[in-house]
Amino acid sequence: MELLRRVHARNIVEWGKVHPNAVVLSGDLTTSCEIDGFRDAYPDRFLSMGLMEQNMMSFSAGLAREGLSPLVHTFAVFMYRRALDQIEMSIAYPNLPVRIFGFLPGVTTPGGASHQAINDIAVLRSLPNMTVIETGDATDVESALEVADGVDGPVYVRMVRGELPRLFPAADRMVLNTARVLSEGSDIALFTSGICTEEGLRVAAVLRESGVSIQHLHVTTLKPFRDPLVVDALKKARHGAIAMENHTTVGGLGSCVAETVAEHGIDTRLVKVALDDTYLQGASVHFLMRRYGIDAVALVAAVETLLGRSLGISEDDLAAARADSYFNEKQQEAL
């Protein structure tokens, strides 16, 4: 498994070379959001707005009205919690091409409830005109700028950072509103997003050895959510579907799938593997995934629920199938 560090840092500098209208804004989290390289390479196109997220959102709207391409960076919680009114009225309502990059989703920080964005998708998916995408590996991060740039309107990108695995080939770029099919099967449809996809890959490999057929889709577009691949997977799943995500059970990937089931009249059961209506404590990513039930062990339990039987899969079986960690043990900083 290839691991890469500071993927966005390298990608955004290359982006700036060929997009002279790109302007990067920082909410006083320049290094933490991996945009220090852009600041150094293009100082005349970099703005540090300080701890004033509301002003940063309104300012980015003004830049977009002047024909520039603002790329706004901050931790997700400081964006959608503090500056929602400015995002709605200054950016989403006039449908301006502002690209918002929100870092530290869910369990990816030990900073506790003040830093953990656990319902950002639910909030921003409800905004008219807003497109929502989520990254899950190095290839997704490398694709995010080009995907967002292709949208005629505002985009929220849920970002991962630091040391990332490359789960997908570098040439297999993210495509808007199109999931990646990671395995074919007809027993269960598994939809994963963000950091949960690596857990899903581990479990799917072990399930195949147990004779369980999994249709596994990695979802990157949370809005719009009109992917025919999702509908097809739901229709052919004999025992039901599972949605697994680093987000609360309300308003995220699981809700997207449930809405699709209802809208298409699909007769199938859906189990959500997600944060169950709770705020999180501060701890390492692996501890939090286990503590709040969004790891491989929780996914196996969901599969057993749909199948109505025990599969006898042990934690040792799952550990042996681990691809690698998103964050090494030394990378526990909140900022």
C-alpha atoms as a PDB file:
ATOM      1  CA  MET A   1       0.000   0.000   0.000  1.00  0.00           C
ATOM      2  CA  GLU A   2       1.490   3.310  -1.104  1.00  0.00           C
ATOM      3  CA  LEU A   3       1.337   6.065   1.507  1.00  0.00           C
ATOM      4  CA  LEU A   4       1.705   9.726   0.587  1.00  0.00           C
ATOM      5  CA  ARG A   5       2.107  12.782   2.768  1.00  0.00           C
ATOM      6  CA  ARG A   6       0.645  16.268   2.234  1.00  0.00           C
ATOM      7  CA  VAL A   7      -1.015  15.365  -1.043  1.00  0.00           C
ATOM      8  CA  HIS A   8      -3.128  18.521  -1.246  1.00  0.00           C
ATOM      9  CA  ALA A   9      -0.057  20.654  -0.566  1.00  0.00           C
ATOM     10  CA  ARG A  10       1.638  19.428  -3.727  1.00  0.00           C
ATOM     11  CA  ASN A  11      -1.513  19.330  -5.807  1.00  0.00           C
ATOM     12  CA  ILE A  12      -2.638  22.889  -5.154  1.00  0.00           C
ATOM     13  CA  VAL A  13       0.795  24.319  -6.049  1.00  0.00           C
ATOM     14  CA  GLU A  14       0.623  22.520  -9.407  1.00  0.00           C
ATOM     15  CA  TRP A  15      -2.950  23.754  -9.838  1.00  0.00           C
ATOM     16  CA  GLY A  16      -1.824  27.321  -9.316  1.00  0.00           C
ATOM     17  CA  LYS A  17       0.701  27.053 -12.145  1.00  0.00           C
ATOM     18  CA  VAL A  18      -1.994  26.548 -14.778  1.00  0.00           C
ATOM     19  CA  HIS A  19      -4.863  28.464 -13.138  1.00  0.00           C
ATOM     20  CA  PRO A  20      -3.714  32.062 -12.713  1.00  0.00           C
ATOM     21  CA  ASN A  21      -7.157  33.154 -11.482  1.00  0.00           C
ATOM     22  CA  ALA A  22      -6.990  30.800  -8.478  1.00  0.00           C
ATOM     23  CA  VAL A  23      -6.861  32.649  -5.153  1.00  0.00           C
ATOM     24  CA  VAL A  24      -6.355  30.696  -1.910  1.00  0.00           C
ATOM     25  CA  LEU A  25      -7.848  31.927   1.357  1.00  0.00           C
ATOM     26  CA  SER A  26      -6.809  30.652   4.797  1.00  0.00           C
ATOM     27  CA  GLY A  27      -8.600  30.963   8.114  1.00  0.00           C
ATOM     28  CA  ASP A  28      -5.296  31.223   9.997  1.00  0.00           C
ATOM     29  CA  LEU A  29      -4.706  27.494   9.455  1.00  0.00           C
ATOM     30  CA  THR A  30      -2.318  27.660   6.539  1.00  0.00           C
ATOM     31  CA  THR A  31       0.054  24.803   7.338  1.00  0.00           C
ATOM     32  CA  SER A  32      -2.717  22.742   8.939  1.00  0.00           C
ATOM     33  CA  CYS A  33      -4.709  22.904   5.694  1.00  0.00           C
ATOM     34  CA  GLU A  34      -1.624  22.169   3.559  1.00  0.00           C
ATOM     35  CA  ILE A  35      -1.618  25.485   1.683  1.00  0.00           C
ATOM     36  CA  ASP A  36       1.698  26.868   2.938  1.00  0.00           C
ATOM     37  CA  GLY A  37       3.321  25.808  -0.345  1.00  0.00           C
ATOM     38  CA  PHE A  38       0.791  27.833  -2.346  1.00  0.00           C
ATOM     39  CA  ARG A  39       1.417  30.820  -0.062  1.00  0.00           C
ATOM     40  CA  ASP A  40       5.149  30.608  -0.732  1.00  0.00           C
ATOM     41  CA  ALA A  41       4.808  29.991  -4.487  1.00  0.00           C
ATOM     42  CA  TYR A  42       2.117  32.617  -5.208  1.00  0.00           C
ATOM     43  CA  PRO A  43       2.114  35.171  -2.373  1.00  0.00           C
ATOM     44  CA  ASP A  44       0.114  37.664  -4.440  1.00  0.00           C
ATOM     45  CA  ARG A  45      -2.727  35.122  -4.755  1.00  0.00           C
ATOM     46  CA  PHE A  46      -2.816  34.061  -1.109  1.00  0.00           C
ATOM     47  CA  LEU A  47      -4.902  35.732   1.613  1.00  0.00           C
ATOM     48  CA  SER A  48      -4.667  34.922   5.317  1.00  0.00           C
ATOM     49  CA  MET A  49      -7.999  36.105   6.681  1.00  0.00           C
ATOM     50  CA  GLY A  50      -7.332  35.323  10.344  1.00  0.00           C
ATOM     51  CA  LEU A  51      -9.872  33.823  12.715  1.00  0.00           C
ATOM     52  CA  MET A  52     -12.755  35.533  10.932  1.00  0.00           C
ATOM     53  CA  GLU A  53     -14.489  32.784   8.996  1.00  0.00           C
ATOM     54  CA  GLN A  54     -17.648  34.789   8.375  1.00  0.00           C
ATOM     55  CA  ASN A  55     -15.668  37.571   6.746  1.00  0.00           C
ATOM     56  CA  MET A  56     -13.611  35.046   4.768  1.00  0.00           C
ATOM     57  CA  MET A  57     -16.750  33.537   3.229  1.00  0.00           C
ATOM     58  CA  SER A  58     -18.210  36.907   2.252  1.00  0.00           C
ATOM     59  CA  PHE A  59     -14.842  38.055   0.918  1.00  0.00           C
ATOM     60  CA  SER A  60     -14.532  34.915  -1.220  1.00  0.00           C
ATOM     61  CA  ALA A  61     -17.958  35.660  -2.695  1.00  0.00           C
ATOM     62  CA  GLY A  62     -16.711  39.092  -3.743  1.00  0.00           C
ATOM     63  CA  LEU A  63     -13.663  37.540  -5.391  1.00  0.00           C
ATOM     64  CA  ALA A  64     -15.899  35.145  -7.332  1.00  0.00           C
ATOM     65  CA  ARG A  65     -18.062  38.049  -8.537  1.00  0.00           C
ATOM     66  CA  GLU A  66     -14.899  39.655  -9.925  1.00  0.00           C
ATOM     67  CA  GLY A  67     -14.105  36.575 -12.015  1.00  0.00           C
ATOM     68  CA  LEU A  68     -11.508  34.999  -9.731  1.00  0.00           C
ATOM     69  CA  SER A  69     -11.573  31.409  -8.458  1.00  0.00           C
ATOM     70  CA  PRO A  70     -11.502  31.471  -4.648  1.00  0.00           C
ATOM     71  CA  LEU A  71     -10.386  28.315  -2.853  1.00  0.00           C
ATOM     72  CA  VAL A  72     -11.315  28.657   0.825  1.00  0.00           C
ATOM     73  CA  HIS A  73      -9.482  26.546   3.430  1.00  0.00           C
ATOM     74  CA  THR A  74     -10.233  25.980   7.098  1.00  0.00           C
ATOM     75  CA  PHE A  75     -11.289  23.249   9.486  1.00  0.00           C
ATOM     76  CA  ALA A  76     -14.794  22.138   8.595  1.00  0.00           C
ATOM     77  CA  VAL A  77     -16.275  22.959  12.003  1.00  0.00           C
ATOM     78  CA  PHE A  78     -15.096  26.561  11.835  1.00  0.00           C
ATOM     79  CA  MET A  79     -16.701  26.901   8.431  1.00  0.00           C
ATOM     80  CA  TYR A  80     -20.184  25.392   8.558  1.00  0.00           C
ATOM     81  CA  ARG A  81     -20.826  26.125  12.235  1.00  0.00           C
ATOM     82  CA  ARG A  82     -19.556  29.697  12.393  1.00  0.00           C
ATOM     83  CA  ALA A  83     -20.176  31.028   8.911  1.00  0.00           C
ATOM     84  CA  LEU A  84     -23.324  29.278   7.737  1.00  0.00           C
ATOM     85  CA  ASP A  85     -25.261  32.492   7.189  1.00  0.00           C
ATOM     86  CA  GLN A  86     -22.494  33.925   4.998  1.00  0.00           C
ATOM     87  CA  ILE A  87     -22.200  30.648   3.072  1.00  0.00           C
ATOM     88  CA  GLU A  88     -25.939  30.642   2.426  1.00  0.00           C
ATOM     89  CA  MET A  89     -26.549  34.302   1.618  1.00  0.00           C
ATOM     90  CA  SER A  90     -23.235  35.354   0.046  1.00  0.00           C
ATOM     91  CA  ILE A  91     -22.265  32.147  -1.777  1.00  0.00           C
ATOM     92  CA  ALA A  92     -25.063  29.586  -2.189  1.00  0.00           C
ATOM     93  CA  TYR A  93     -27.970  31.972  -2.814  1.00  0.00           C
ATOM     94  CA  PRO A  94     -26.228  33.774  -5.735  1.00  0.00           C
ATOM     95  CA  ASN A  95     -24.770  30.401  -6.857  1.00  0.00           C
ATOM     96  CA  LEU A  96     -21.168  31.636  -6.955  1.00  0.00           C
ATOM     97  CA  PRO A  97     -18.229  29.355  -7.866  1.00  0.00           C
ATOM     98  CA  VAL A  98     -16.558  29.346  -4.449  1.00  0.00           C
ATOM     99  CA  ARG A  99     -14.762  26.111  -3.534  1.00  0.00           C
ATOM    100  CA  ILE A 100     -14.717  25.425   0.220  1.00  0.00           C
ATOM    101  CA  PHE A 101     -12.248  22.872   1.578  1.00  0.00           C
ATOM    102  CA  GLY A 102     -13.174  21.634   5.051  1.00  0.00           C
ATOM    103  CA  PHE A 103     -10.585  19.638   6.975  1.00  0.00           C
ATOM    104  CA  LEU A 104     -10.754  17.302  10.019  1.00  0.00           C
ATOM    105  CA  PRO A 105     -14.032  15.508   9.307  1.00  0.00           C
ATOM    106  CA  GLY A 106     -15.405  13.338  12.109  1.00  0.00           C
ATOM    107  CA  VAL A 107     -12.922  11.079  13.846  1.00  0.00           C
ATOM    108  CA  THR A 108      -9.863  12.337  11.956  1.00  0.00           C
ATOM    109  CA  THR A 109      -8.846  14.661  14.803  1.00  0.00           C
ATOM    110  CA  PRO A 110      -8.390  14.004  18.522  1.00  0.00           C
ATOM    111  CA  GLY A 111      -9.457  17.589  19.206  1.00  0.00           C
ATOM    112  CA  GLY A 112     -12.838  16.631  20.641  1.00  0.00           C
ATOM    113  CA  ALA A 113     -16.258  18.057  19.848  1.00  0.00           C
ATOM    114  CA  SER A 114     -14.957  21.574  19.209  1.00  0.00           C
ATOM    115  CA  HIS A 115     -12.889  20.343  16.235  1.00  0.00           C
ATOM    116  CA  GLN A 116     -14.762  17.285  14.944  1.00  0.00           C
ATOM    117  CA  ALA A 117     -17.125  17.907  12.026  1.00  0.00           C
ATOM    118  CA  ILE A 118     -19.708  15.178  12.447  1.00  0.00           C
ATOM    119  CA  ASN A 119     -22.777  16.700  10.727  1.00  0.00           C
ATOM    120  CA  ASP A 120     -21.267  18.964   8.071  1.00  0.00           C
ATOM    121  CA  ILE A 121     -22.622  16.916   5.182  1.00  0.00           C
ATOM    122  CA  ALA A 122     -26.135  17.041   6.648  1.00  0.00           C
ATOM    123  CA  VAL A 123     -25.988  20.817   6.994  1.00  0.00           C
ATOM    124  CA  LEU A 124     -24.400  21.692   3.669  1.00  0.00           C
ATOM    125  CA  ARG A 125     -26.290  19.099   1.624  1.00  0.00           C
ATOM    126  CA  SER A 126     -29.470  20.948   2.607  1.00  0.00           C
ATOM    127  CA  LEU A 127     -28.320  24.194   0.950  1.00  0.00           C
ATOM    128  CA  PRO A 128     -29.743  24.890  -2.517  1.00  0.00           C
ATOM    129  CA  ASN A 129     -27.062  25.085  -5.244  1.00  0.00           C
ATOM    130  CA  MET A 130     -24.382  23.485  -3.026  1.00  0.00           C
ATOM    131  CA  THR A 131     -22.435  20.494  -4.374  1.00  0.00           C
ATOM    132  CA  VAL A 132     -20.887  18.221  -1.741  1.00  0.00           C
ATOM    133  CA  ILE A 133     -18.002  15.815  -2.336  1.00  0.00           C
ATOM    134  CA  GLU A 134     -15.848  13.803   0.057  1.00  0.00           C
ATOM    135  CA  THR A 135     -12.290  12.550  -0.333  1.00  0.00           C
ATOM    136  CA  GLY A 136     -11.147   9.155   0.895  1.00  0.00           C
ATOM    137  CA  ASP A 137      -7.602   8.576  -0.325  1.00  0.00           C
ATOM    138  CA  ALA A 138      -4.675  10.249  -2.060  1.00  0.00           C
ATOM    139  CA  THR A 139      -6.215   9.865  -5.516  1.00  0.00           C
ATOM    140  CA  ASP A 140      -9.449  11.504  -4.372  1.00  0.00           C
ATOM    141  CA  VAL A 141      -7.491  14.431  -2.939  1.00  0.00           C
ATOM    142  CA  GLU A 142      -5.548  14.780  -6.184  1.00  0.00           C
ATOM    143  CA  SER A 143      -8.866  14.834  -8.082  1.00  0.00           C
ATOM    144  CA  ALA A 144     -10.764  17.244  -5.867  1.00  0.00           C
ATOM    145  CA  LEU A 145      -9.625  20.502  -7.463  1.00  0.00           C
ATOM    146  CA  GLU A 146     -10.490  19.461 -11.002  1.00  0.00           C
ATOM    147  CA  VAL A 147     -13.866  18.003  -9.980  1.00  0.00           C
ATOM    148  CA  ALA A 148     -14.798  21.148  -8.042  1.00  0.00           C
ATOM    149  CA  ASP A 149     -13.620  23.366 -10.889  1.00  0.00           C
ATOM    150  CA  GLY A 150     -16.031  21.614 -13.236  1.00  0.00           C
ATOM    151  CA  VAL A 151     -19.073  22.586 -11.163  1.00  0.00           C
ATOM    152  CA  ASP A 152     -20.987  25.749 -12.079  1.00  0.00           C
ATOM    153  CA  GLY A 153     -21.665  26.893  -8.535  1.00  0.00           C
ATOM    154  CA  PRO A 154     -20.401  26.479  -4.967  1.00  0.00           C
ATOM    155  CA  VAL A 155     -18.729  23.266  -3.855  1.00  0.00           C
ATOM    156  CA  TYR A 156     -17.926  21.881  -0.423  1.00  0.00           C
ATOM    157  CA  VAL A 157     -15.032  19.406  -0.374  1.00  0.00           C
ATOM    158  CA  ARG A 158     -14.689  17.258   2.741  1.00  0.00           C
ATOM    159  CA  MET A 159     -10.933  16.801   2.942  1.00  0.00           C
ATOM    160  CA  VAL A 160      -8.513  14.333   4.475  1.00  0.00           C
ATOM    161  CA  ARG A 161      -4.914  15.334   5.025  1.00  0.00           C
ATOM    162  CA  GLY A 162      -1.549  14.170   6.338  1.00  0.00           C
ATOM    163  CA  GLU A 163      -0.381  10.641   5.520  1.00  0.00           C
ATOM    164  CA  LEU A 164      -2.860   9.054   3.121  1.00  0.00           C
ATOM    165  CA  PRO A 165      -3.056   5.659   1.434  1.00  0.00           C
ATOM    166  CA  ARG A 166      -3.506   5.418  -2.314  1.00  0.00           C
ATOM    167  CA  LEU A 167      -6.450   3.052  -2.480  1.00  0.00           C
ATOM    168  CA  PHE A 168      -7.139   3.744  -6.153  1.00  0.00           C
ATOM    169  CA  PRO A 169      -4.733   4.086  -9.092  1.00  0.00           C
ATOM    170  CA  ALA A 170      -3.559   7.639  -9.710  1.00  0.00           C
ATOM    171  CA  ALA A 171      -5.137   7.538 -13.174  1.00  0.00           C
ATOM    172  CA  ASP A 172      -8.539   6.479 -11.764  1.00  0.00           C
ATOM    173  CA  ARG A 173      -9.701  10.002 -11.025  1.00  0.00           C
ATOM    174  CA  MET A 174     -12.809  10.954  -9.110  1.00  0.00           C
ATOM    175  CA  VAL A 175     -15.865  11.589 -11.302  1.00  0.00           C
ATOM    176  CA  LEU A 176     -18.742  13.745 -10.087  1.00  0.00           C
ATOM    177  CA  ASN A 177     -21.881  11.766  -9.195  1.00  0.00           C
ATOM    178  CA  THR A 178     -20.240   8.463 -10.145  1.00  0.00           C
ATOM    179  CA  ALA A 179     -19.187   5.925  -7.532  1.00  0.00           C
ATOM    180  CA  ARG A 180     -16.205   3.630  -7.881  1.00  0.00           C
ATOM    181  CA  VAL A 181     -17.219  -0.042  -8.048  1.00  0.00           C
ATOM    182  CA  LEU A 182     -14.674  -1.847  -5.884  1.00  0.00           C
ATOM    183  CA  SER A 183     -16.191  -5.324  -5.993  1.00  0.00           C
ATOM    184  CA  GLU A 184     -19.116  -7.088  -7.632  1.00  0.00           C
ATOM    185  CA  GLY A 185     -21.677  -9.150  -5.784  1.00  0.00           C
ATOM    186  CA  SER A 186     -25.356  -9.782  -5.195  1.00  0.00           C
ATOM    187  CA  ASP A 187     -25.753 -10.673  -1.503  1.00  0.00           C
ATOM    188  CA  ILE A 188     -25.195  -7.217  -0.002  1.00  0.00           C
ATOM    189  CA  ALA A 189     -24.703  -3.709  -1.417  1.00  0.00           C
ATOM    190  CA  LEU A 190     -22.063  -1.824   0.575  1.00  0.00           C
ATOM    191  CA  PHE A 191     -21.706   1.947   0.197  1.00  0.00           C
ATOM    192  CA  THR A 192     -18.733   3.592   1.897  1.00  0.00           C
ATOM    193  CA  SER A 193     -17.295   7.089   1.861  1.00  0.00           C
ATOM    194  CA  GLY A 194     -14.218   8.882   3.149  1.00  0.00           C
ATOM    195  CA  ILE A 195     -11.938   7.014   5.528  1.00  0.00           C
ATOM    196  CA  CYS A 196     -14.507   4.225   5.940  1.00  0.00           C
ATOM    197  CA  THR A 197     -13.758   2.851   2.484  1.00  0.00           C
ATOM    198  CA  GLU A 198     -10.484   1.314   3.669  1.00  0.00           C
ATOM    199  CA  GLU A 199     -12.414  -0.487   6.425  1.00  0.00           C
ATOM    200  CA  GLY A 200     -14.892  -1.676   3.820  1.00  0.00           C
ATOM    201  CA  LEU A 201     -12.128  -3.030   1.607  1.00  0.00           C
ATOM    202  CA  ARG A 202     -10.742  -5.058   4.507  1.00  0.00           C
ATOM    203  CA  VAL A 203     -14.114  -6.540   5.360  1.00  0.00           C
ATOM    204  CA  ALA A 204     -15.077  -7.268   1.750  1.00  0.00           C
ATOM    205  CA  ALA A 205     -11.888  -9.283   1.281  1.00  0.00           C
ATOM    206  CA  VAL A 206     -12.622 -11.392   4.370  1.00  0.00           C
ATOM    207  CA  LEU A 207     -16.296 -11.802   3.441  1.00  0.00           C
ATOM    208  CA  ARG A 208     -15.396 -13.207   0.049  1.00  0.00           C
ATOM    209  CA  GLU A 209     -13.460 -15.942   1.815  1.00  0.00           C
ATOM    210  CA  SER A 210     -16.609 -16.672   3.841  1.00  0.00           C
ATOM    211  CA  GLY A 211     -18.695 -16.992   0.692  1.00  0.00           C
ATOM    212  CA  VAL A 212     -20.525 -13.658   1.006  1.00  0.00           C
ATOM    213  CA  SER A 213     -20.909 -11.707  -2.219  1.00  0.00           C
ATOM    214  CA  ILE A 214     -20.488  -7.926  -1.786  1.00  0.00           C
ATOM    215  CA  GLN A 215     -21.190  -5.136  -4.261  1.00  0.00           C
ATOM    216  CA  HIS A 216     -18.913  -2.457  -2.785  1.00  0.00           C
ATOM    217  CA  LEU A 217     -19.171   1.141  -3.993  1.00  0.00           C
ATOM    218  CA  HIS A 218     -16.928   4.022  -2.888  1.00  0.00           C
ATOM    219  CA  VAL A 219     -19.079   7.159  -2.928  1.00  0.00           C
ATOM    220  CA  THR A 220     -17.479  10.591  -3.325  1.00  0.00           C
ATOM    221  CA  THR A 221     -20.458  12.736  -4.378  1.00  0.00           C
ATOM    222  CA  LEU A 222     -23.009  13.298  -1.612  1.00  0.00           C
ATOM    223  CA  LYS A 223     -24.884  15.965  -3.560  1.00  0.00           C
ATOM    224  CA  PRO A 224     -26.102  15.547  -6.223  1.00  0.00           C
ATOM    225  CA  PHE A 225     -26.908  11.933  -5.378  1.00  0.00           C
ATOM    226  CA  ARG A 226     -28.379  10.527  -8.568  1.00  0.00           C
ATOM    227  CA  ASP A 227     -25.870   7.841  -9.501  1.00  0.00           C
ATOM    228  CA  PRO A 228     -27.479   4.951 -11.449  1.00  0.00           C
ATOM    229  CA  LEU A 229     -24.758   2.645 -10.107  1.00  0.00           C
ATOM    230  CA  VAL A 230     -26.212   3.116  -6.629  1.00  0.00           C
ATOM    231  CA  VAL A 231     -29.711   2.289  -7.820  1.00  0.00           C
ATOM    232  CA  ASP A 232     -28.528  -0.844  -9.645  1.00  0.00           C
ATOM    233  CA  ALA A 233     -26.586  -2.074  -6.603  1.00  0.00           C
ATOM    234  CA  LEU A 234     -29.606  -1.589  -4.344  1.00  0.00           C
ATOM    235  CA  LYS A 235     -31.942  -3.434  -6.711  1.00  0.00           C
ATOM    236  CA  LYS A 236     -29.790  -6.542  -6.976  1.00  0.00           C
ATOM    237  CA  ALA A 237     -28.804  -6.878  -3.289  1.00  0.00           C
ATOM    238  CA  ARG A 238     -30.599 -10.004  -2.040  1.00  0.00           C
ATOM    239  CA  HIS A 239     -30.117  -9.431   1.693  1.00  0.00           C
ATOM    240  CA  GLY A 240     -30.014  -5.654   1.871  1.00  0.00           C
ATOM    241  CA  ALA A 241     -27.662  -2.691   1.894  1.00  0.00           C
ATOM    242  CA  ILE A 242     -25.181  -1.048   4.267  1.00  0.00           C
ATOM    243  CA  ALA A 243     -24.080   2.592   4.270  1.00  0.00           C
ATOM    244  CA  MET A 244     -20.854   3.225   6.209  1.00  0.00           C
ATOM    245  CA  GLU A 245     -19.538   6.710   6.902  1.00  0.00           C
ATOM    246  CA  ASN A 246     -17.537   9.004   9.176  1.00  0.00           C
ATOM    247  CA  HIS A 247     -20.592  11.154   9.935  1.00  0.00           C
ATOM    248  CA  THR A 248     -23.743  11.003  12.021  1.00  0.00           C
ATOM    249  CA  THR A 249     -26.596   8.730  11.018  1.00  0.00           C
ATOM    250  CA  VAL A 250     -28.635  11.814  10.123  1.00  0.00           C
ATOM    251  CA  GLY A 251     -28.210  13.549   6.785  1.00  0.00           C
ATOM    252  CA  GLY A 252     -25.077  11.896   5.407  1.00  0.00           C
ATOM    253  CA  LEU A 253     -24.423   8.969   3.080  1.00  0.00           C
ATOM    254  CA  GLY A 254     -26.909   6.723   4.875  1.00  0.00           C
ATOM    255  CA  SER A 255     -29.652   9.296   4.435  1.00  0.00           C
ATOM    256  CA  CYS A 256     -28.727   9.693   0.764  1.00  0.00           C
ATOM    257  CA  VAL A 257     -29.077   5.952   0.238  1.00  0.00           C
ATOM    258  CA  ALA A 258     -32.332   5.808   2.215  1.00  0.00           C
ATOM    259  CA  GLU A 259     -33.793   8.609   0.080  1.00  0.00           C
ATOM    260  CA  THR A 260     -32.792   6.685  -3.045  1.00  0.00           C
ATOM    261  CA  VAL A 261     -34.473   3.533  -1.738  1.00  0.00           C
ATOM    262  CA  ALA A 262     -37.684   5.480  -1.101  1.00  0.00           C
ATOM    263  CA  GLU A 263     -37.676   7.468  -4.338  1.00  0.00           C
ATOM    264  CA  HIS A 264     -37.178   4.355  -6.486  1.00  0.00           C
ATOM    265  CA  GLY A 265     -39.489   2.113  -4.464  1.00  0.00           C
ATOM    266  CA  ILE A 266     -36.747  -0.455  -3.879  1.00  0.00           C
ATOM    267  CA  ASP A 267     -37.720  -3.308  -1.572  1.00  0.00           C
ATOM    268  CA  THR A 268     -34.558  -3.700   0.495  1.00  0.00           C
ATOM    269  CA  ARG A 269     -33.357  -3.259   4.050  1.00  0.00           C
ATOM    270  CA  LEU A 270     -30.740  -0.606   4.888  1.00  0.00           C
ATOM    271  CA  VAL A 271     -28.356  -0.669   7.850  1.00  0.00           C
ATOM    272  CA  LYS A 272     -26.390   2.482   8.706  1.00  0.00           C
ATOM    273  CA  VAL A 273     -22.887   2.144  10.112  1.00  0.00           C
ATOM    274  CA  ALA A 274     -22.288   5.702  11.287  1.00  0.00           C
ATOM    275  CA  LEU A 275     -21.891   7.897  14.367  1.00  0.00           C
ATOM    276  CA  ASP A 276     -25.084   7.275  16.297  1.00  0.00           C
ATOM    277  CA  ASP A 277     -26.419  10.748  17.192  1.00  0.00           C
ATOM    278  CA  THR A 278     -23.538  11.605  19.519  1.00  0.00           C
ATOM    279  CA  TYR A 279     -20.638  13.994  19.992  1.00  0.00           C
ATOM    280  CA  LEU A 280     -17.198  12.417  20.192  1.00  0.00           C
ATOM    281  CA  GLN A 281     -14.457  12.433  22.769  1.00  0.00           C
ATOM    282  CA  GLY A 282     -10.858  13.241  21.898  1.00  0.00           C
ATOM    283  CA  ALA A 283      -8.682  10.246  21.042  1.00  0.00           C
ATOM    284  CA  SER A 284      -6.805   8.571  18.196  1.00  0.00           C
ATOM    285  CA  VAL A 285      -8.616   7.845  14.953  1.00  0.00           C
ATOM    286  CA  HIS A 286      -8.527   4.061  15.436  1.00  0.00           C
ATOM    287  CA  PHE A 287      -9.825   4.329  19.006  1.00  0.00           C
ATOM    288  CA  LEU A 288     -12.657   6.604  17.908  1.00  0.00           C
ATOM    289  CA  MET A 289     -13.655   4.389  15.001  1.00  0.00           C
ATOM    290  CA  ARG A 290     -13.904   1.413  17.365  1.00  0.00           C
ATOM    291  CA  ARG A 291     -15.507   3.352  20.231  1.00  0.00           C
ATOM    292  CA  TYR A 292     -18.224   4.862  18.032  1.00  0.00           C
ATOM    293  CA  GLY A 293     -18.836   1.883  15.776  1.00  0.00           C
ATOM    294  CA  ILE A 294     -17.518   2.820  12.339  1.00  0.00           C
ATOM    295  CA  ASP A 295     -14.679   0.298  11.977  1.00  0.00           C
ATOM    296  CA  ALA A 296     -14.345  -3.096  10.349  1.00  0.00           C
ATOM    297  CA  VAL A 297     -15.729  -4.899  13.404  1.00  0.00           C
ATOM    298  CA  ALA A 298     -18.905  -2.813  13.286  1.00  0.00           C
ATOM    299  CA  LEU A 299     -19.253  -3.473   9.577  1.00  0.00           C
ATOM    300  CA  VAL A 300     -19.040  -7.245  10.072  1.00  0.00           C
ATOM    301  CA  ALA A 301     -21.786  -6.981  12.695  1.00  0.00           C
ATOM    302  CA  ALA A 302     -23.961  -5.094  10.196  1.00  0.00           C
ATOM    303  CA  VAL A 303     -23.403  -7.793   7.584  1.00  0.00           C
ATOM    304  CA  GLU A 304     -24.351 -10.469  10.103  1.00  0.00           C
ATOM    305  CA  THR A 305     -27.523  -8.531  10.916  1.00  0.00           C
ATOM    306  CA  LEU A 306     -28.578  -8.574   7.275  1.00  0.00           C
ATOM    307  CA  LEU A 307     -27.657 -12.213   6.781  1.00  0.00           C
ATOM    308  CA  GLY A 308     -29.262 -13.325  10.060  1.00  0.00           C
ATOM    309  CA  ARG A 309     -26.293 -15.465  11.052  1.00  0.00           C
ATOM    310  CA  SER A 310     -22.832 -15.307  12.531  1.00  0.00           C
ATOM    311  CA  LEU A 311     -19.885 -15.464  10.153  1.00  0.00           C
ATOM    312  CA  GLY A 312     -17.269 -16.355  12.752  1.00  0.00           C
ATOM    313  CA  ILE A 313     -14.936 -13.589  11.587  1.00  0.00           C
ATOM    314  CA  SER A 314     -12.447 -12.613  14.291  1.00  0.00           C
ATOM    315  CA  GLU A 315     -10.622  -9.362  14.919  1.00  0.00           C
ATOM    316  CA  ASP A 316      -7.418 -11.173  13.987  1.00  0.00           C
ATOM    317  CA  ASP A 317      -8.928 -11.986  10.580  1.00  0.00           C
ATOM    318  CA  LEU A 318      -9.695  -8.301  10.053  1.00  0.00           C
ATOM    319  CA  ALA A 319      -6.320  -7.141  11.329  1.00  0.00           C
ATOM    320  CA  ALA A 320      -4.582  -9.399   8.834  1.00  0.00           C
ATOM    321  CA  ALA A 321      -6.524  -7.751   6.025  1.00  0.00           C
ATOM    322  CA  ARG A 322      -5.636  -4.178   7.071  1.00  0.00           C
ATOM    323  CA  ALA A 323      -4.312  -2.122   4.170  1.00  0.00           C
ATOM    324  CA  ASP A 324      -2.667   0.520   6.356  1.00  0.00           C
ATOM    325  CA  SER A 325      -3.408   3.461   8.568  1.00  0.00           C
ATOM    326  CA  TYR A 326      -4.491   6.925   7.505  1.00  0.00           C
ATOM    327  CA  PHE A 327      -2.586   8.423  10.396  1.00  0.00           C
ATOM    328  CA  ASN A 328       0.506   7.053  12.060  1.00  0.00           C
ATOM    329  CA  GLU A 329       0.656   6.947  15.831  1.00  0.00           C
ATOM    330  CA  LYS A 330       2.774  10.106  15.999  1.00  0.00           C
ATOM    331  CA  GLN A 331       0.234  12.149  14.046  1.00  0.00           C
ATOM    332  CA  GLN A 332      -2.232  12.836  16.825  1.00  0.00           C
ATOM    333  CA  GLU A 333      -2.230  16.603  16.696  1.00  0.00           C
ATOM    334  CA  ALA A 334      -5.527  18.431  16.708  1.00  0.00           C
ATOM    335  CA  LEU A 335      -4.169  21.267  14.593  1.00  0.00           C
END
